[in-house]
């Protein structure tokens, strides 16, 4: 009975037992084992496990597609291309905002400088000493900043100072020429003439550097030059020394900007430290010429007269014009670190609008309608120039 039960159980589960196969007469061993009820596509109709051989297990391959997905995760995945484009747009907007802040600060500081500079020159007409004091104040400010760690000390070598030397020469000439011009004529007239700087920039870039520009750029120079000429011809207090000083300053500053941009390429010195080094080198160049042209005796006599006419506040004027001169130039070089020389010239010209208007209001400079028309034409030409450069 036990044997029969074992035979029946083996038949039901599909086992083939070699021990039971010794009795061939057993009817239960004569018939094939029943098949399990599986779909024909999933498993074979008959599965036999032999206990006399090693047991092998194999995986069943499903005949229907399987899919595992996390829908929320798929929807939340960022798009790499869109993210990169958005980041680039954000970076470009931040850069434009940064340059805009530089320009606004630069223009505001320049207005303050021009006001105090003209006040000093009216009471103390010694432009060579005034220019020297401006450079000395800036050099002292940066030396203190480096010493106390406010600004990181630049790492320079002989090649750096060698490259900086022509920039310093151009900067010294332009600085003194502009100061001489303001000592002879109104601030507004000096800056109207200096608004022609883009014309000098284009001409120098074209004939000395070999750069070419669209026809619209050249056409925009016509109103710039024409407006400056009209203002000069109708200026009530025209002075040739003042006019030539502004023209020389234009040319010198164009070379300074071009040399500065070339000198700053590949250098680890920032715009702020670059101008600090430039001020120090210009101070060394200018000081002996200031002593030769004017001299300590003239300075001492003029100082006493200015103190007697203006009072102790004159000392504050000198300090203010010296400090603000360095600050506005420092910010301008921080801008030059980000833009091209031509764009710098455009910004420098647009800055003169605020200087011209503020100086006319503060100093109550008489302006004839034709003179104002010439200034407006020159400024319009500068706007057209900036649009043509886009």
Protein backbone atom coordinates (compact mmCIF):
# COMPACT_ATOMS: atom_id res chain seq x y z
CA UNK A 1 0.00 0.00 0.00
CA UNK A 2 2.81 2.38 0.84
CA UNK A 3 4.49 1.57 -2.44
CA UNK A 4 1.33 2.22 -4.39
CA UNK A 5 0.89 5.59 -2.69
CA UNK A 6 4.45 6.58 -3.56
CA UNK A 7 3.89 5.57 -7.16
CA UNK A 8 0.71 7.58 -7.36
CA UNK A 9 2.38 10.68 -5.88
CA UNK A 10 5.34 10.40 -8.26
CA UNK A 11 3.02 10.18 -11.20
CA UNK A 12 1.05 13.22 -10.18
CA UNK A 13 4.03 15.56 -9.82
CA UNK A 14 5.89 14.18 -12.78
CA UNK A 15 8.85 12.56 -10.95
CA UNK A 16 10.60 9.58 -12.40
CA UNK A 17 11.97 7.45 -9.55
CA UNK A 18 14.53 4.84 -10.59
CA UNK A 19 13.80 2.77 -7.49
CA UNK A 20 10.20 2.37 -8.49
CA UNK A 21 11.03 1.64 -12.09
CA UNK A 22 12.37 -1.79 -11.11
CA UNK A 23 8.77 -3.11 -11.08
CA UNK A 24 7.73 -2.80 -14.68
CA UNK A 25 4.50 -4.55 -14.02
CA UNK A 26 3.14 -1.72 -11.97
CA UNK A 27 0.32 -0.17 -13.95
CA UNK A 28 0.91 3.24 -12.51
CA UNK A 29 4.37 3.30 -14.02
CA UNK A 30 3.17 2.24 -17.42
CA UNK A 31 1.18 5.39 -18.13
CA UNK A 32 2.78 8.77 -18.76
CA UNK A 33 2.57 11.41 -16.04
CA UNK A 34 -0.17 13.96 -16.39
CA UNK A 35 0.84 17.36 -17.71
CA UNK A 36 0.60 20.47 -15.64
CA UNK A 37 -1.85 23.14 -16.73
CA UNK A 38 0.41 25.91 -18.12
CA UNK A 39 -0.12 27.99 -21.23
CA UNK A 40 1.56 26.52 -24.27
CA UNK A 41 3.53 29.67 -24.81
CA UNK A 42 4.89 29.82 -21.26
CA UNK A 43 6.20 26.31 -20.54
CA UNK A 44 6.36 22.94 -22.32
CA UNK A 45 3.39 20.70 -21.84
CA UNK A 46 5.44 18.11 -19.99
CA UNK A 47 8.05 18.76 -17.34
CA UNK A 48 9.95 15.82 -15.91
CA UNK A 49 12.39 16.14 -13.01
CA UNK A 50 14.84 13.33 -12.68
CA UNK A 51 16.22 12.69 -9.21
CA UNK A 52 19.06 10.66 -10.62
CA UNK A 53 20.69 13.63 -12.31
CA UNK A 54 21.68 17.09 -11.04
CA UNK A 55 18.83 19.51 -10.76
CA UNK A 56 19.08 22.44 -13.21
CA UNK A 57 16.88 25.51 -12.92
CA UNK A 58 16.39 27.89 -15.82
CA UNK A 59 14.60 31.19 -15.94
CA UNK A 60 11.39 31.54 -17.80
CA UNK A 61 11.37 34.15 -20.54
CA UNK A 62 8.17 36.04 -20.73
CA UNK A 63 6.68 36.40 -24.16
CA UNK A 64 4.97 39.67 -23.29
CA UNK A 65 6.72 43.10 -22.91
CA UNK A 66 7.66 44.33 -19.45
CA UNK A 67 7.98 47.99 -18.55
CA UNK A 68 8.98 49.62 -15.29
CA UNK A 69 8.87 53.39 -15.21
CA UNK A 70 8.69 56.19 -12.69
CA UNK A 71 6.50 58.83 -14.27
CA UNK A 72 7.07 61.52 -11.68
CA UNK A 73 10.84 61.19 -11.95
CA UNK A 74 10.68 61.40 -15.75
CA UNK A 75 8.60 64.56 -15.60
CA UNK A 76 10.91 66.21 -13.10
CA UNK A 77 14.12 65.62 -15.05
CA UNK A 78 15.58 68.95 -16.32
CA UNK A 79 16.30 69.50 -19.95
CA UNK A 80 20.10 69.93 -20.28
CA UNK A 81 19.98 72.07 -23.40
CA UNK A 82 17.34 74.45 -22.04
CA UNK A 83 19.14 74.73 -18.70
CA UNK A 84 22.43 75.59 -20.41
CA UNK A 85 20.72 78.22 -22.57
CA UNK A 86 18.99 79.75 -19.56
CA UNK A 87 22.25 79.82 -17.62
CA UNK A 88 24.03 81.49 -20.53
CA UNK A 89 21.28 84.11 -20.83
CA UNK A 90 21.41 84.77 -17.11
CA UNK A 91 25.19 85.15 -17.21
CA UNK A 92 25.00 87.56 -20.14
CA UNK A 93 22.37 89.67 -18.38
CA UNK A 94 24.49 89.79 -15.22
CA UNK A 95 27.50 90.91 -17.25
CA UNK A 96 25.52 93.71 -18.90
CA UNK A 97 24.19 94.83 -15.53
CA UNK A 98 27.71 94.85 -14.12
CA UNK A 99 29.02 96.97 -16.98
CA UNK A 100 26.02 99.30 -16.63
CA UNK A 101 26.78 99.85 -12.95
CA UNK A 102 30.42 100.52 -13.82
CA UNK A 103 29.41 103.10 -16.42
CA UNK A 104 26.92 104.87 -14.13
CA UNK A 105 29.45 105.05 -11.28
CA UNK A 106 32.18 106.16 -13.66
CA UNK A 107 30.05 109.01 -15.04
CA UNK A 108 28.91 110.20 -11.59
CA UNK A 109 32.45 110.26 -10.21
CA UNK A 110 33.65 112.08 -13.31
CA UNK A 111 31.05 114.81 -12.88
CA UNK A 112 32.18 115.40 -9.29
CA UNK A 113 35.82 115.46 -10.35
CA UNK A 114 35.24 118.00 -13.10
CA UNK A 115 33.38 120.34 -10.77
CA UNK A 116 36.11 120.34 -8.14
CA UNK A 117 38.86 120.38 -10.73
CA UNK A 118 37.47 123.52 -12.34
CA UNK A 119 37.05 125.19 -8.95
CA UNK A 120 40.70 124.47 -8.13
CA UNK A 121 41.96 125.67 -11.52
CA UNK A 122 39.96 128.90 -11.29
CA UNK A 123 41.63 129.73 -7.98
CA UNK A 124 44.97 128.03 -8.62
CA UNK A 125 45.87 128.03 -12.36
CA UNK A 126 48.72 125.53 -12.22
CA UNK A 127 47.57 122.50 -14.24
CA UNK A 128 50.92 120.68 -14.10
CA UNK A 129 50.96 120.59 -10.31
CA UNK A 130 47.23 119.82 -10.17
CA UNK A 131 47.76 116.86 -12.50
CA UNK A 132 50.68 115.64 -10.39
CA UNK A 133 48.65 115.84 -7.18
CA UNK A 134 45.88 113.75 -8.76
CA UNK A 135 48.30 110.97 -9.63
CA UNK A 136 50.02 111.19 -6.26
CA UNK A 137 46.73 110.86 -4.36
CA UNK A 138 45.71 107.78 -6.34
CA UNK A 139 49.11 106.15 -5.90
CA UNK A 140 49.01 106.74 -2.15
CA UNK A 141 45.47 105.32 -1.88
CA UNK A 142 46.47 102.11 -3.65
CA UNK A 143 49.68 101.67 -1.67
CA UNK A 144 47.65 101.87 1.54
CA UNK A 145 45.06 99.44 0.14
CA UNK A 146 47.78 96.93 -0.68
CA UNK A 147 49.48 97.37 2.70
CA UNK A 148 46.34 96.74 4.79
CA UNK A 149 45.06 93.98 2.51
CA UNK A 150 41.95 95.72 1.18
CA UNK A 151 43.15 95.00 -2.35
CA UNK A 152 45.36 92.08 -3.28
CA UNK A 153 48.87 93.19 -4.24
CA UNK A 154 49.46 92.54 -7.96
CA UNK A 155 52.20 90.19 -9.08
CA UNK A 156 54.23 92.03 -11.68
CA UNK A 157 57.55 91.54 -13.45
CA UNK A 158 59.85 93.54 -15.70
CA UNK A 159 57.88 92.65 -18.84
CA UNK A 160 54.71 94.01 -17.25
CA UNK A 161 56.27 97.39 -16.51
CA UNK A 162 57.89 97.44 -19.93
CA UNK A 163 54.50 96.93 -21.58
CA UNK A 164 52.94 99.49 -19.27
CA UNK A 165 55.42 102.25 -20.07
CA UNK A 166 53.88 103.45 -23.41
CA UNK A 167 50.46 103.36 -21.75
CA UNK A 168 51.77 105.56 -18.95
CA UNK A 169 53.29 108.03 -21.41
CA UNK A 170 49.97 108.36 -23.28
CA UNK A 171 48.06 108.63 -20.02
CA UNK A 172 50.36 111.37 -18.73
CA UNK A 173 50.06 113.41 -21.91
CA UNK A 174 46.29 113.06 -22.05
CA UNK A 175 45.84 113.91 -18.38
CA UNK A 176 47.99 117.05 -18.48
CA UNK A 177 46.55 118.22 -21.82
CA UNK A 178 42.96 117.93 -20.53
CA UNK A 179 43.85 119.80 -17.33
CA UNK A 180 45.56 122.55 -19.30
CA UNK A 181 42.46 122.84 -21.50
CA UNK A 182 40.15 123.19 -18.49
CA UNK A 183 42.37 125.85 -17.01
CA UNK A 184 41.90 128.01 -20.14
CA UNK A 185 38.29 127.40 -21.25
CA UNK A 186 34.96 126.31 -19.79
CA UNK A 187 34.49 122.69 -18.75
CA UNK A 188 31.61 122.35 -21.19
CA UNK A 189 33.73 123.47 -24.12
CA UNK A 190 36.57 121.10 -23.23
CA UNK A 191 34.19 118.16 -23.10
CA UNK A 192 32.42 119.16 -26.30
CA UNK A 193 35.77 119.00 -28.08
CA UNK A 194 36.66 115.78 -26.27
CA UNK A 195 33.39 114.24 -27.49
CA UNK A 196 35.21 113.84 -30.81
CA UNK A 197 37.28 111.00 -29.32
CA UNK A 198 35.46 108.27 -31.32
CA UNK A 199 36.66 109.95 -34.51
CA UNK A 200 40.25 109.75 -33.30
CA UNK A 201 39.68 106.16 -32.22
CA UNK A 202 38.38 105.11 -35.64
CA UNK A 203 41.10 106.93 -37.54
CA UNK A 204 43.89 105.51 -35.38
CA UNK A 205 42.44 102.01 -35.55
CA UNK A 206 42.02 102.26 -39.32
CA UNK A 207 45.37 103.73 -40.38
CA UNK A 208 47.69 102.45 -37.66
CA UNK A 209 46.12 99.13 -36.67
CA UNK A 210 44.64 98.23 -40.04
CA UNK A 211 41.11 97.67 -38.74
CA UNK A 212 38.15 98.18 -41.06
CA UNK A 213 34.66 99.41 -40.15
CA UNK A 214 31.26 99.50 -41.87
CA UNK A 215 30.32 102.57 -43.89
CA UNK A 216 27.79 103.56 -41.23
CA UNK A 217 30.61 104.00 -38.72
CA UNK A 218 32.48 106.40 -41.00
CA UNK A 219 29.29 108.30 -41.79
CA UNK A 220 28.57 108.76 -38.07
CA UNK A 221 31.85 110.64 -37.72
CA UNK A 222 30.53 113.49 -39.91
CA UNK A 223 28.10 114.90 -37.30
CA UNK A 224 30.66 114.33 -34.53
CA UNK A 225 33.35 116.33 -36.27
CA UNK A 226 30.87 118.91 -37.63
CA UNK A 227 29.25 119.45 -34.23
CA UNK A 228 32.60 119.92 -32.50
CA UNK A 229 33.70 122.38 -35.16
CA UNK A 230 30.46 124.38 -34.89
CA UNK A 231 30.81 124.58 -31.11
CA UNK A 232 34.41 125.72 -31.38
CA UNK A 233 33.60 128.45 -33.89
CA UNK A 234 30.74 129.82 -31.78
CA UNK A 235 32.43 129.56 -28.36
CA UNK A 236 32.28 132.92 -26.57
CA UNK A 237 35.49 132.36 -24.60
CA UNK A 238 37.48 130.52 -27.24
CA UNK A 239 41.14 129.94 -26.43
CA UNK A 240 43.55 128.18 -28.75
CA UNK A 241 45.55 126.65 -25.91
CA UNK A 242 42.38 125.22 -24.42
CA UNK A 243 41.22 123.92 -27.81
CA UNK A 244 44.55 122.26 -28.64
CA UNK A 245 44.80 120.79 -25.17
CA UNK A 246 41.45 119.03 -25.66
CA UNK A 247 42.48 117.76 -29.11
CA UNK A 248 45.82 116.42 -27.85
CA UNK A 249 44.04 114.79 -24.94
CA UNK A 250 41.70 113.01 -27.37
CA UNK A 251 44.55 111.54 -29.35
CA UNK A 252 46.57 110.57 -26.27
CA UNK A 253 43.67 108.82 -24.56
CA UNK A 254 42.85 106.82 -27.68
CA UNK A 255 46.39 105.44 -27.67
CA UNK A 256 46.16 104.86 -23.94
CA UNK A 257 42.98 102.81 -24.32
CA UNK A 258 44.38 100.74 -27.18
CA UNK A 259 47.68 100.08 -25.42
CA UNK A 260 45.85 99.32 -22.18
CA UNK A 261 43.64 96.70 -23.80
CA UNK A 262 46.64 95.03 -25.39
CA UNK A 263 48.65 95.19 -22.19
CA UNK A 264 45.82 93.68 -20.13
CA UNK A 265 45.48 90.62 -22.39
CA UNK A 266 47.03 87.55 -20.86
CA UNK A 267 47.86 89.39 -17.64
CA UNK A 268 46.70 88.35 -14.20
CA UNK A 269 46.51 92.00 -13.06
CA UNK A 270 42.94 93.24 -12.63
CA UNK A 271 41.69 96.55 -14.00
CA UNK A 272 41.87 98.20 -10.58
CA UNK A 273 45.49 97.19 -9.96
CA UNK A 274 46.38 97.90 -13.55
CA UNK A 275 45.33 101.53 -13.20
CA UNK A 276 47.11 101.76 -9.84
CA UNK A 277 50.37 100.69 -11.46
CA UNK A 278 49.65 103.08 -14.33
CA UNK A 279 49.18 106.00 -11.92
CA UNK A 280 52.46 105.28 -10.15
CA UNK A 281 54.42 105.06 -13.37
CA UNK A 282 52.75 108.21 -14.75
CA UNK A 283 53.58 110.01 -11.53
CA UNK A 284 57.27 109.19 -12.01
CA UNK A 285 57.09 110.45 -15.61
CA UNK A 286 55.16 113.66 -14.86
CA UNK A 287 56.90 114.90 -11.69
CA UNK A 288 60.15 116.15 -13.27
CA UNK A 289 58.23 117.90 -16.07
CA UNK A 290 55.94 119.62 -13.55
CA UNK A 291 58.97 120.98 -11.68
CA UNK A 292 60.53 122.13 -14.94
CA UNK A 293 57.42 123.87 -16.36
CA UNK A 294 56.05 125.54 -13.22
CA UNK A 295 58.37 125.05 -10.26
CA UNK A 296 58.05 125.25 -6.45
CA UNK A 297 58.22 129.04 -6.29
CA UNK A 298 55.19 129.53 -8.51
CA UNK A 299 53.30 126.84 -6.60
CA UNK A 300 54.00 128.45 -3.22
CA UNK A 301 52.97 131.92 -4.35
CA UNK A 302 49.81 130.65 -5.98
CA UNK A 303 48.91 128.57 -2.93
CA UNK A 304 49.05 131.55 -0.62
CA UNK A 305 46.90 133.60 -2.96
CA UNK A 306 44.32 130.83 -3.28
CA UNK A 307 44.08 130.43 0.49
CA UNK A 308 43.60 134.15 0.95
CA UNK A 309 40.92 134.31 -1.77
CA UNK A 310 39.00 131.10 -1.06
CA UNK A 311 39.86 130.22 2.51
CA UNK A 312 40.63 126.86 4.13
CA UNK A 313 38.00 125.11 2.01
CA UNK A 314 40.41 125.40 -0.91
CA UNK A 315 42.45 122.57 0.63
CA UNK A 316 39.31 120.42 0.58
CA UNK A 317 38.77 121.23 -3.08
CA UNK A 318 42.29 120.07 -3.95
CA UNK A 319 41.86 116.87 -1.95
CA UNK A 320 38.46 116.17 -3.54
CA UNK A 321 39.60 116.67 -7.12
CA UNK A 322 42.63 114.44 -6.53
CA UNK A 323 40.67 111.61 -4.89
CA UNK A 324 37.76 111.67 -7.35
CA UNK A 325 40.14 111.73 -10.29
CA UNK A 326 41.62 108.43 -9.15
CA UNK A 327 38.25 106.90 -8.34
CA UNK A 328 36.60 107.65 -11.67
CA UNK A 329 39.62 106.42 -13.61
CA UNK A 330 39.81 103.31 -11.49
CA UNK A 331 36.19 102.47 -12.25
CA UNK A 332 36.74 103.24 -15.94
CA UNK A 333 39.58 100.73 -16.06
CA UNK A 334 37.38 98.17 -14.37
CA UNK A 335 35.02 98.76 -17.29
CA UNK A 336 37.83 98.56 -19.83
CA UNK A 337 38.64 95.16 -18.37
CA UNK A 338 35.28 93.94 -19.73
CA UNK A 339 34.83 95.78 -23.04
CA UNK A 340 36.68 96.80 -26.20
CA UNK A 341 38.57 100.10 -26.65
CA UNK A 342 35.96 101.41 -29.09
CA UNK A 343 33.10 100.65 -26.70
CA UNK A 344 35.11 102.34 -23.98
CA UNK A 345 35.43 105.44 -26.18
CA UNK A 346 31.67 105.45 -26.77
CA UNK A 347 31.00 105.23 -23.04
CA UNK A 348 33.55 107.95 -22.44
CA UNK A 349 31.79 110.19 -24.94
CA UNK A 350 28.29 109.55 -23.60
CA UNK A 351 29.63 110.42 -20.15
CA UNK A 352 30.39 113.92 -21.40
CA UNK A 353 26.68 114.67 -21.78
CA UNK A 354 26.23 114.65 -18.02
CA UNK A 355 29.46 116.59 -17.52
CA UNK A 356 28.50 119.28 -20.05
CA UNK A 357 25.00 119.78 -18.65
CA UNK A 358 26.08 119.79 -15.00
CA UNK A 359 28.99 122.18 -15.60
CA UNK A 360 26.78 124.65 -17.48
CA UNK A 361 24.27 124.62 -14.62
CA UNK A 362 26.79 124.85 -11.76
CA UNK A 363 29.16 127.40 -13.29
CA UNK A 364 26.39 129.25 -15.15
CA UNK A 365 28.34 129.14 -18.38
CA UNK A 366 26.79 131.35 -21.09
CA UNK A 367 25.87 129.27 -24.11
CA UNK A 368 24.73 130.63 -27.45
CA UNK A 369 21.99 128.75 -29.33
CA UNK A 370 24.37 127.93 -32.20
CA UNK A 371 26.94 126.64 -29.73
CA UNK A 372 24.33 124.43 -28.08
CA UNK A 373 23.25 123.20 -31.52
CA UNK A 374 26.83 122.17 -32.29
CA UNK A 375 27.06 120.26 -29.01
CA UNK A 376 23.75 118.51 -29.74
CA UNK A 377 24.92 117.51 -33.24
CA UNK A 378 28.17 116.11 -31.84
CA UNK A 379 26.28 114.11 -29.22
CA UNK A 380 23.83 112.86 -31.86
CA UNK A 381 26.79 111.74 -33.96
CA UNK A 382 28.11 109.86 -30.96
CA UNK A 383 24.77 108.10 -30.57
CA UNK A 384 24.74 107.15 -34.25
CA UNK A 385 28.29 105.92 -33.88
CA UNK A 386 27.35 103.69 -30.95
CA UNK A 387 24.41 102.28 -32.92
CA UNK A 388 26.59 101.61 -35.95
CA UNK A 389 29.03 99.70 -33.75
CA UNK A 390 26.36 97.27 -32.50
